[in-house]
PDB file of all heavy atoms in Angstrom:
ATOM      1  N   GLY A   1      -4.323  12.308   5.282  1.00  0.00           N
ATOM      2  CA  GLY A   1      -3.928  12.302   3.891  1.00  0.00           C
ATOM      3  C   GLY A   1      -2.446  12.677   3.669  1.00  0.00           C
ATOM      4  O   GLY A   1      -1.901  13.357   4.530  1.00  0.00           O
ATOM      5  N   VAL A   2      -1.874  12.121   2.652  1.00  0.00           N
ATOM      6  CA  VAL A   2      -0.522  12.527   2.244  1.00  0.00           C
ATOM      7  C   VAL A   2      -0.578  12.949   0.803  1.00  0.00           C
ATOM      8  O   VAL A   2      -1.070  12.211  -0.091  1.00  0.00           O
ATOM      9  CB  VAL A   2       0.485  11.397   2.426  1.00  0.00           C
ATOM     10  CG1 VAL A   2       1.849  11.760   1.874  1.00  0.00           C
ATOM     11  CG2 VAL A   2       0.627  11.022   3.910  1.00  0.00           C
ATOM     12  N   VAL A   3      -0.200  14.196   0.577  1.00  0.00           N
ATOM     13  CA  VAL A   3      -0.263  14.791  -0.781  1.00  0.00           C
ATOM     14  C   VAL A   3       1.184  14.742  -1.357  1.00  0.00           C
ATOM     15  O   VAL A   3       2.170  15.112  -0.654  1.00  0.00           O
ATOM     16  CB  VAL A   3      -0.713  16.261  -0.735  1.00  0.00           C
ATOM     17  CG1 VAL A   3      -0.690  16.912  -2.078  1.00  0.00           C
ATOM     18  CG2 VAL A   3      -2.111  16.269  -0.092  1.00  0.00           C
ATOM     19  N   ASP A   4       1.305  14.227  -2.567  1.00  0.00           N
ATOM     20  CA  ASP A   4       2.655  14.214  -3.235  1.00  0.00           C
ATOM     21  C   ASP A   4       2.489  14.678  -4.659  1.00  0.00           C
ATOM     22  O   ASP A   4       1.383  14.952  -5.149  1.00  0.00           O
ATOM     23  CB  ASP A   4       3.268  12.865  -3.146  1.00  0.00           C
ATOM     24  CG  ASP A   4       2.535  11.772  -3.839  1.00  0.00           C
ATOM     25  OD1 ASP A   4       2.146  11.980  -5.031  1.00  0.00           O
ATOM     26  OD2 ASP A   4       2.423  10.723  -3.282  1.00  0.00           O
ATOM     27  N   PHE A   5       3.578  14.752  -5.398  1.00  0.00           N
ATOM     28  CA  PHE A   5       3.599  15.305  -6.749  1.00  0.00           C
ATOM     29  C   PHE A   5       3.620  14.223  -7.806  1.00  0.00           C
ATOM     30  O   PHE A   5       4.016  14.446  -8.922  1.00  0.00           O
ATOM     31  CB  PHE A   5       4.773  16.259  -6.914  1.00  0.00           C
ATOM     32  CG  PHE A   5       4.587  17.531  -6.163  1.00  0.00           C
ATOM     33  CD1 PHE A   5       5.063  17.702  -4.902  1.00  0.00           C
ATOM     34  CD2 PHE A   5       3.851  18.575  -6.695  1.00  0.00           C
ATOM     35  CE1 PHE A   5       4.897  18.816  -4.206  1.00  0.00           C
ATOM     36  CE2 PHE A   5       3.678  19.744  -6.015  1.00  0.00           C
ATOM     37  CZ  PHE A   5       4.169  19.940  -4.766  1.00  0.00           C
ATOM     38  N   SER A   6       3.198  12.979  -7.482  1.00  0.00           N
ATOM     39  CA  SER A   6       3.093  11.933  -8.461  1.00  0.00           C
ATOM     40  C   SER A   6       1.609  11.745  -8.808  1.00  0.00           C
ATOM     41  O   SER A   6       0.787  11.708  -7.893  1.00  0.00           O
ATOM     42  CB  SER A   6       3.586  10.603  -7.897  1.00  0.00           C
ATOM     43  OG  SER A   6       3.322   9.587  -8.766  1.00  0.00           O
ATOM     44  N   LYS A   7       1.294  11.617 -10.085  1.00  0.00           N
ATOM     45  CA  LYS A   7      -0.078  11.413 -10.471  1.00  0.00           C
ATOM     46  C   LYS A   7      -0.412   9.906 -10.498  1.00  0.00           C
ATOM     47  O   LYS A   7      -1.607   9.551 -10.731  1.00  0.00           O
ATOM     48  CB  LYS A   7      -0.362  11.968 -11.857  1.00  0.00           C
ATOM     49  CG  LYS A   7      -0.348  13.498 -11.784  1.00  0.00           C
ATOM     50  CD  LYS A   7      -0.770  14.094 -13.043  1.00  0.00           C
ATOM     51  CE  LYS A   7      -0.875  15.584 -12.922  1.00  0.00           C
ATOM     52  NZ  LYS A   7      -2.038  16.191 -13.468  1.00  0.00           N
ATOM     53  N   THR A   8       0.572   9.024 -10.278  1.00  0.00           N
ATOM     54  CA  THR A   8       0.284   7.558 -10.314  1.00  0.00           C
ATOM     55  C   THR A   8      -0.452   7.185  -9.030  1.00  0.00           C
ATOM     56  O   THR A   8       0.015   7.341  -7.942  1.00  0.00           O
ATOM     57  CB  THR A   8       1.573   6.804 -10.382  1.00  0.00           C
ATOM     58  OG1 THR A   8       2.360   7.317 -11.579  1.00  0.00           O
ATOM     59  CG2 THR A   8       1.355   5.292 -10.546  1.00  0.00           C
ATOM     60  N   PRO A   9      -1.657   6.554  -9.223  1.00  0.00           N
ATOM     61  CA  PRO A   9      -2.418   6.152  -8.016  1.00  0.00           C
ATOM     62  C   PRO A   9      -1.807   4.956  -7.383  1.00  0.00           C
ATOM     63  O   PRO A   9      -1.061   4.170  -8.006  1.00  0.00           O
ATOM     64  CB  PRO A   9      -3.835   5.844  -8.560  1.00  0.00           C
ATOM     65  CG  PRO A   9      -3.545   5.510 -10.019  1.00  0.00           C
ATOM     66  CD  PRO A   9      -2.411   6.307 -10.456  1.00  0.00           C
ATOM     67  N   PRO A  10      -1.934   4.822  -6.083  1.00  0.00           N
ATOM     68  CA  PRO A  10      -1.422   3.648  -5.303  1.00  0.00           C
ATOM     69  C   PRO A  10      -2.158   2.355  -5.769  1.00  0.00           C
ATOM     70  O   PRO A  10      -3.332   2.380  -6.181  1.00  0.00           O
ATOM     71  CB  PRO A  10      -1.671   3.976  -3.884  1.00  0.00           C
ATOM     72  CG  PRO A  10      -2.926   4.831  -3.891  1.00  0.00           C
ATOM     73  CD  PRO A  10      -2.792   5.636  -5.188  1.00  0.00           C
ATOM     74  N   VAL A  11      -1.426   1.283  -5.707  1.00  0.00           N
ATOM     75  CA  VAL A  11      -1.994  -0.066  -6.085  1.00  0.00           C
ATOM     76  C   VAL A  11      -1.697  -0.987  -4.878  1.00  0.00           C
ATOM     77  O   VAL A  11      -0.557  -1.140  -4.472  1.00  0.00           O
ATOM     78  CB  VAL A  11      -1.388  -0.596  -7.353  1.00  0.00           C
ATOM     79  CG1 VAL A  11      -1.904  -1.973  -7.632  1.00  0.00           C
ATOM     80  CG2 VAL A  11      -1.607   0.368  -8.514  1.00  0.00           C
ATOM     81  N   ARG A  12      -2.811  -1.574  -4.386  1.00  0.00           N
ATOM     82  CA  ARG A  12      -2.617  -2.578  -3.343  1.00  0.00           C
ATOM     83  C   ARG A  12      -2.059  -3.834  -3.962  1.00  0.00           C
ATOM     84  O   ARG A  12      -2.622  -4.402  -4.937  1.00  0.00           O
ATOM     85  CB  ARG A  12      -3.927  -2.812  -2.628  1.00  0.00           C
ATOM     86  CG  ARG A  12      -3.792  -3.784  -1.474  1.00  0.00           C
ATOM     87  CD  ARG A  12      -5.064  -3.929  -0.703  1.00  0.00           C
ATOM     88  NE  ARG A  12      -4.961  -5.063   0.158  1.00  0.00           N
ATOM     89  CZ  ARG A  12      -5.973  -5.737   0.651  1.00  0.00           C
ATOM     90  NH1 ARG A  12      -7.170  -5.333   0.423  1.00  0.00           N
ATOM     91  NH2 ARG A  12      -5.754  -6.765   1.423  1.00  0.00           N
ATOM     92  N   LYS A  13      -1.007  -4.338  -3.389  1.00  0.00           N
ATOM     93  CA  LYS A  13      -0.339  -5.570  -3.925  1.00  0.00           C
ATOM     94  C   LYS A  13      -0.635  -6.745  -3.067  1.00  0.00           C
ATOM     95  O   LYS A  13      -1.001  -6.655  -1.897  1.00  0.00           O
ATOM     96  CB  LYS A  13       1.194  -5.380  -4.047  1.00  0.00           C
ATOM     97  CG  LYS A  13       1.530  -4.254  -5.020  1.00  0.00           C
ATOM     98  CD  LYS A  13       3.024  -4.011  -5.044  1.00  0.00           C
ATOM     99  CE  LYS A  13       3.307  -2.877  -5.971  1.00  0.00           C
ATOM    100  NZ  LYS A  13       4.705  -2.555  -6.073  1.00  0.00           N
ATOM    101  N   ALA A  14      -0.342  -7.936  -3.558  1.00  0.00           N
ATOM    102  CA  ALA A  14      -0.484  -9.140  -2.858  1.00  0.00           C
ATOM    103  C   ALA A  14       0.956  -9.791  -2.856  1.00  0.00           C
ATOM    104  O   ALA A  14       1.281 -10.616  -3.640  1.00  0.00           O
ATOM    105  CB  ALA A  14      -1.423 -10.147  -3.495  1.00  0.00           C
ATOM    106  N   PRO A  15       1.784  -9.296  -1.769  1.00  0.00           N
ATOM    107  CA  PRO A  15       3.115  -9.858  -1.772  1.00  0.00           C
ATOM    108  C   PRO A  15       3.209 -11.245  -1.313  1.00  0.00           C
ATOM    109  O   PRO A  15       2.382 -11.747  -0.607  1.00  0.00           O
ATOM    110  CB  PRO A  15       3.801  -8.885  -0.765  1.00  0.00           C
ATOM    111  CG  PRO A  15       2.660  -8.458   0.160  1.00  0.00           C
ATOM    112  CD  PRO A  15       1.450  -8.402  -0.741  1.00  0.00           C
ATOM    113  N   GLY A  16       4.288 -11.938  -1.784  1.00  0.00           N
ATOM    114  CA  GLY A  16       4.551 -13.295  -1.350  1.00  0.00           C
ATOM    115  C   GLY A  16       5.205 -13.260  -0.013  1.00  0.00           C
ATOM    116  O   GLY A  16       5.692 -12.208   0.456  1.00  0.00           O
ATOM    117  N   PRO A  17       5.333 -14.441   0.577  1.00  0.00           N
ATOM    118  CA  PRO A  17       5.945 -14.515   1.925  1.00  0.00           C
ATOM    119  C   PRO A  17       7.475 -14.090   1.967  1.00  0.00           C
ATOM    120  O   PRO A  17       7.957 -13.719   3.032  1.00  0.00           O
ATOM    121  CB  PRO A  17       5.805 -16.004   2.332  1.00  0.00           C
ATOM    122  CG  PRO A  17       5.410 -16.739   1.078  1.00  0.00           C
ATOM    123  CD  PRO A  17       4.894 -15.756   0.117  1.00  0.00           C
ATOM    124  N   GLU A  18       8.103 -14.200   0.849  1.00  0.00           N
ATOM    125  CA  GLU A  18       9.564 -13.805   0.741  1.00  0.00           C
ATOM    126  C   GLU A  18       9.753 -12.316   0.429  1.00  0.00           C
ATOM    127  O   GLU A  18      10.814 -11.849   0.546  1.00  0.00           O
ATOM    128  CB  GLU A  18      10.289 -14.633  -0.255  1.00  0.00           C
ATOM    129  CG  GLU A  18      10.194 -16.164   0.028  1.00  0.00           C
ATOM    130  CD  GLU A  18      10.844 -16.501   1.362  1.00  0.00           C
ATOM    131  OE1 GLU A  18      11.932 -16.017   1.685  1.00  0.00           O
ATOM    132  OE2 GLU A  18      10.243 -17.290   2.072  1.00  0.00           O
ATOM    133  N   ASP A  19       8.686 -11.618  -0.032  1.00  0.00           N
ATOM    134  CA  ASP A  19       8.829 -10.206  -0.362  1.00  0.00           C
ATOM    135  C   ASP A  19       9.071  -9.344   0.874  1.00  0.00           C
ATOM    136  O   ASP A  19       8.413  -9.547   1.854  1.00  0.00           O
ATOM    137  CB  ASP A  19       7.515  -9.756  -1.155  1.00  0.00           C
ATOM    138  CG  ASP A  19       7.399 -10.439  -2.470  1.00  0.00           C
ATOM    139  OD1 ASP A  19       8.412 -10.870  -3.011  1.00  0.00           O
ATOM    140  OD2 ASP A  19       6.221 -10.494  -2.933  1.00  0.00           O
ATOM    141  N   GLU A  20       9.966  -8.378   0.704  1.00  0.00           N
ATOM    142  CA  GLU A  20      10.256  -7.520   1.786  1.00  0.00           C
ATOM    143  C   GLU A  20       9.296  -6.297   1.927  1.00  0.00           C
ATOM    144  O   GLU A  20       9.190  -5.665   2.941  1.00  0.00           O
ATOM    145  CB  GLU A  20      11.710  -6.941   1.646  1.00  0.00           C
ATOM    146  CG  GLU A  20      12.720  -7.997   1.878  1.00  0.00           C
ATOM    147  CD  GLU A  20      14.151  -7.423   1.883  1.00  0.00           C
ATOM    148  OE1 GLU A  20      14.270  -6.137   2.074  1.00  0.00           O
ATOM    149  OE2 GLU A  20      14.984  -8.201   1.657  1.00  0.00           O
ATOM    150  N   GLY A  21       8.583  -5.978   0.791  1.00  0.00           N
ATOM    151  CA  GLY A  21       7.705  -4.856   0.890  1.00  0.00           C
ATOM    152  C   GLY A  21       6.384  -5.252   0.264  1.00  0.00           C
ATOM    153  O   GLY A  21       6.029  -6.358   0.032  1.00  0.00           O
ATOM    154  N   GLY A  22       5.492  -4.205   0.071  1.00  0.00           N
ATOM    155  CA  GLY A  22       4.229  -4.347  -0.515  1.00  0.00           C
ATOM    156  C   GLY A  22       3.081  -4.636   0.341  1.00  0.00           C
ATOM    157  O   GLY A  22       1.996  -4.986  -0.106  1.00  0.00           O
ATOM    158  N   ARG A  23       3.258  -4.544   1.695  1.00  0.00           N
ATOM    159  CA  ARG A  23       2.297  -4.845   2.650  1.00  0.00           C
ATOM    160  C   ARG A  23       1.588  -3.547   3.250  1.00  0.00           C
ATOM    161  O   ARG A  23       0.598  -3.666   3.968  1.00  0.00           O
ATOM    162  CB  ARG A  23       2.802  -5.678   3.768  1.00  0.00           C
ATOM    163  CG  ARG A  23       3.161  -7.051   3.342  1.00  0.00           C
ATOM    164  CD  ARG A  23       3.830  -7.860   4.397  1.00  0.00           C
ATOM    165  NE  ARG A  23       4.141  -9.267   3.971  1.00  0.00           N
ATOM    166  CZ  ARG A  23       5.212  -9.537   3.218  1.00  0.00           C
ATOM    167  NH1 ARG A  23       6.018  -8.541   2.843  1.00  0.00           N
ATOM    168  NH2 ARG A  23       5.431 -10.754   2.825  1.00  0.00           N
ATOM    169  N   GLY A  24       2.073  -2.388   2.931  1.00  0.00           N
ATOM    170  CA  GLY A  24       1.597  -1.202   3.548  1.00  0.00           C
ATOM    171  C   GLY A  24       0.157  -0.939   3.319  1.00  0.00           C
ATOM    172  O   GLY A  24      -0.625  -0.601   4.244  1.00  0.00           O
ATOM    173  N   LEU A  25      -0.356  -1.007   2.041  1.00  0.00           N
ATOM    174  CA  LEU A  25      -1.740  -0.681   1.803  1.00  0.00           C
ATOM    175  C   LEU A  25      -2.670  -1.785   2.357  1.00  0.00           C
ATOM    176  O   LEU A  25      -3.837  -1.490   2.729  1.00  0.00           O
ATOM    177  CB  LEU A  25      -1.948  -0.421   0.340  1.00  0.00           C
ATOM    178  CG  LEU A  25      -1.347   0.861  -0.190  1.00  0.00           C
ATOM    179  CD1 LEU A  25      -1.581   1.000  -1.694  1.00  0.00           C
ATOM    180  CD2 LEU A  25      -1.860   2.081   0.548  1.00  0.00           C
ATOM    181  N   ALA A  26      -2.183  -3.007   2.434  1.00  0.00           N
ATOM    182  CA  ALA A  26      -2.952  -4.070   3.084  1.00  0.00           C
ATOM    183  C   ALA A  26      -3.200  -3.737   4.557  1.00  0.00           C
ATOM    184  O   ALA A  26      -4.263  -3.865   5.095  1.00  0.00           O
ATOM    185  CB  ALA A  26      -2.291  -5.429   2.951  1.00  0.00           C
ATOM    186  N   LEU A  27      -2.105  -3.178   5.182  1.00  0.00           N
ATOM    187  CA  LEU A  27      -2.234  -2.799   6.598  1.00  0.00           C
ATOM    188  C   LEU A  27      -3.227  -1.618   6.714  1.00  0.00           C
ATOM    189  O   LEU A  27      -4.036  -1.595   7.639  1.00  0.00           O
ATOM    190  CB  LEU A  27      -0.881  -2.433   7.161  1.00  0.00           C
ATOM    191  CG  LEU A  27      -0.781  -2.000   8.580  1.00  0.00           C
ATOM    192  CD1 LEU A  27      -1.286  -3.107   9.528  1.00  0.00           C
ATOM    193  CD2 LEU A  27       0.620  -1.608   8.931  1.00  0.00           C
ATOM    194  N   VAL A  28      -3.110  -0.621   5.873  1.00  0.00           N
ATOM    195  CA  VAL A  28      -4.003   0.472   5.839  1.00  0.00           C
ATOM    196  C   VAL A  28      -5.430   0.020   5.722  1.00  0.00           C
ATOM    197  O   VAL A  28      -6.386   0.475   6.441  1.00  0.00           O
ATOM    198  CB  VAL A  28      -3.649   1.539   4.802  1.00  0.00           C
ATOM    199  CG1 VAL A  28      -4.674   2.599   4.628  1.00  0.00           C
ATOM    200  CG2 VAL A  28      -2.279   2.135   5.040  1.00  0.00           C
ATOM    201  N   THR A  29      -5.698  -0.946   4.757  1.00  0.00           N
ATOM    202  CA  THR A  29      -7.008  -1.461   4.604  1.00  0.00           C
ATOM    203  C   THR A  29      -7.560  -2.130   5.873  1.00  0.00           C
ATOM    204  O   THR A  29      -8.729  -1.997   6.184  1.00  0.00           O
ATOM    205  CB  THR A  29      -6.978  -2.530   3.493  1.00  0.00           C
ATOM    206  OG1 THR A  29      -6.565  -1.922   2.249  1.00  0.00           O
ATOM    207  CG2 THR A  29      -8.383  -3.153   3.259  1.00  0.00           C
ATOM    208  N   GLU A  30      -6.734  -2.784   6.647  1.00  0.00           N
ATOM    209  CA  GLU A  30      -7.210  -3.460   7.874  1.00  0.00           C
ATOM    210  C   GLU A  30      -7.425  -2.444   8.975  1.00  0.00           C
ATOM    211  O   GLU A  30      -8.414  -2.621   9.735  1.00  0.00           O
ATOM    212  CB  GLU A  30      -6.101  -4.411   8.357  1.00  0.00           C
ATOM    213  CG  GLU A  30      -6.073  -5.686   7.577  1.00  0.00           C
ATOM    214  CD  GLU A  30      -7.358  -6.541   7.604  1.00  0.00           C
ATOM    215  OE1 GLU A  30      -7.923  -6.613   8.718  1.00  0.00           O
ATOM    216  OE2 GLU A  30      -7.817  -6.882   6.512  1.00  0.00           O
ATOM    217  N   LEU A  31      -6.710  -1.355   9.028  1.00  0.00           N
ATOM    218  CA  LEU A  31      -6.883  -0.464  10.090  1.00  0.00           C
ATOM    219  C   LEU A  31      -7.945   0.607   9.828  1.00  0.00           C
ATOM    220  O   LEU A  31      -8.562   1.148  10.837  1.00  0.00           O
ATOM    221  CB  LEU A  31      -5.505   0.285  10.427  1.00  0.00           C
ATOM    222  CG  LEU A  31      -4.430  -0.640  10.999  1.00  0.00           C
ATOM    223  CD1 LEU A  31      -3.099   0.148  11.133  1.00  0.00           C
ATOM    224  CD2 LEU A  31      -4.785  -1.212  12.297  1.00  0.00           C
ATOM    225  N   ALA A  32      -8.067   1.033   8.607  1.00  0.00           N
ATOM    226  CA  ALA A  32      -8.961   2.132   8.339  1.00  0.00           C
ATOM    227  C   ALA A  32     -10.342   1.695   7.932  1.00  0.00           C
ATOM    228  O   ALA A  32     -10.569   0.560   7.493  1.00  0.00           O
ATOM    229  CB  ALA A  32      -8.365   2.909   7.151  1.00  0.00           C
ATOM    230  N   GLU A  33     -11.297   2.576   8.094  1.00  0.00           N
ATOM    231  CA  GLU A  33     -12.667   2.289   7.635  1.00  0.00           C
ATOM    232  C   GLU A  33     -12.787   2.394   6.085  1.00  0.00           C
ATOM    233  O   GLU A  33     -13.554   1.715   5.469  1.00  0.00           O
ATOM    234  CB  GLU A  33     -13.686   3.294   8.261  1.00  0.00           C
ATOM    235  CG  GLU A  33     -13.821   3.101   9.739  1.00  0.00           C
ATOM    236  CD  GLU A  33     -14.493   1.791  10.082  1.00  0.00           C
ATOM    237  OE1 GLU A  33     -15.362   1.316   9.436  1.00  0.00           O
ATOM    238  OE2 GLU A  33     -14.071   1.207  11.140  1.00  0.00           O
TER     239      GLU A  33
END
């Protein structure tokens, strides 16, 4: 877990092929149960 001081929940995005970011939670979804 990572605890931070923002109350905004994370949102999994569907980045396009040209986007530089937005793939982190997709990777977490693939690796984690």
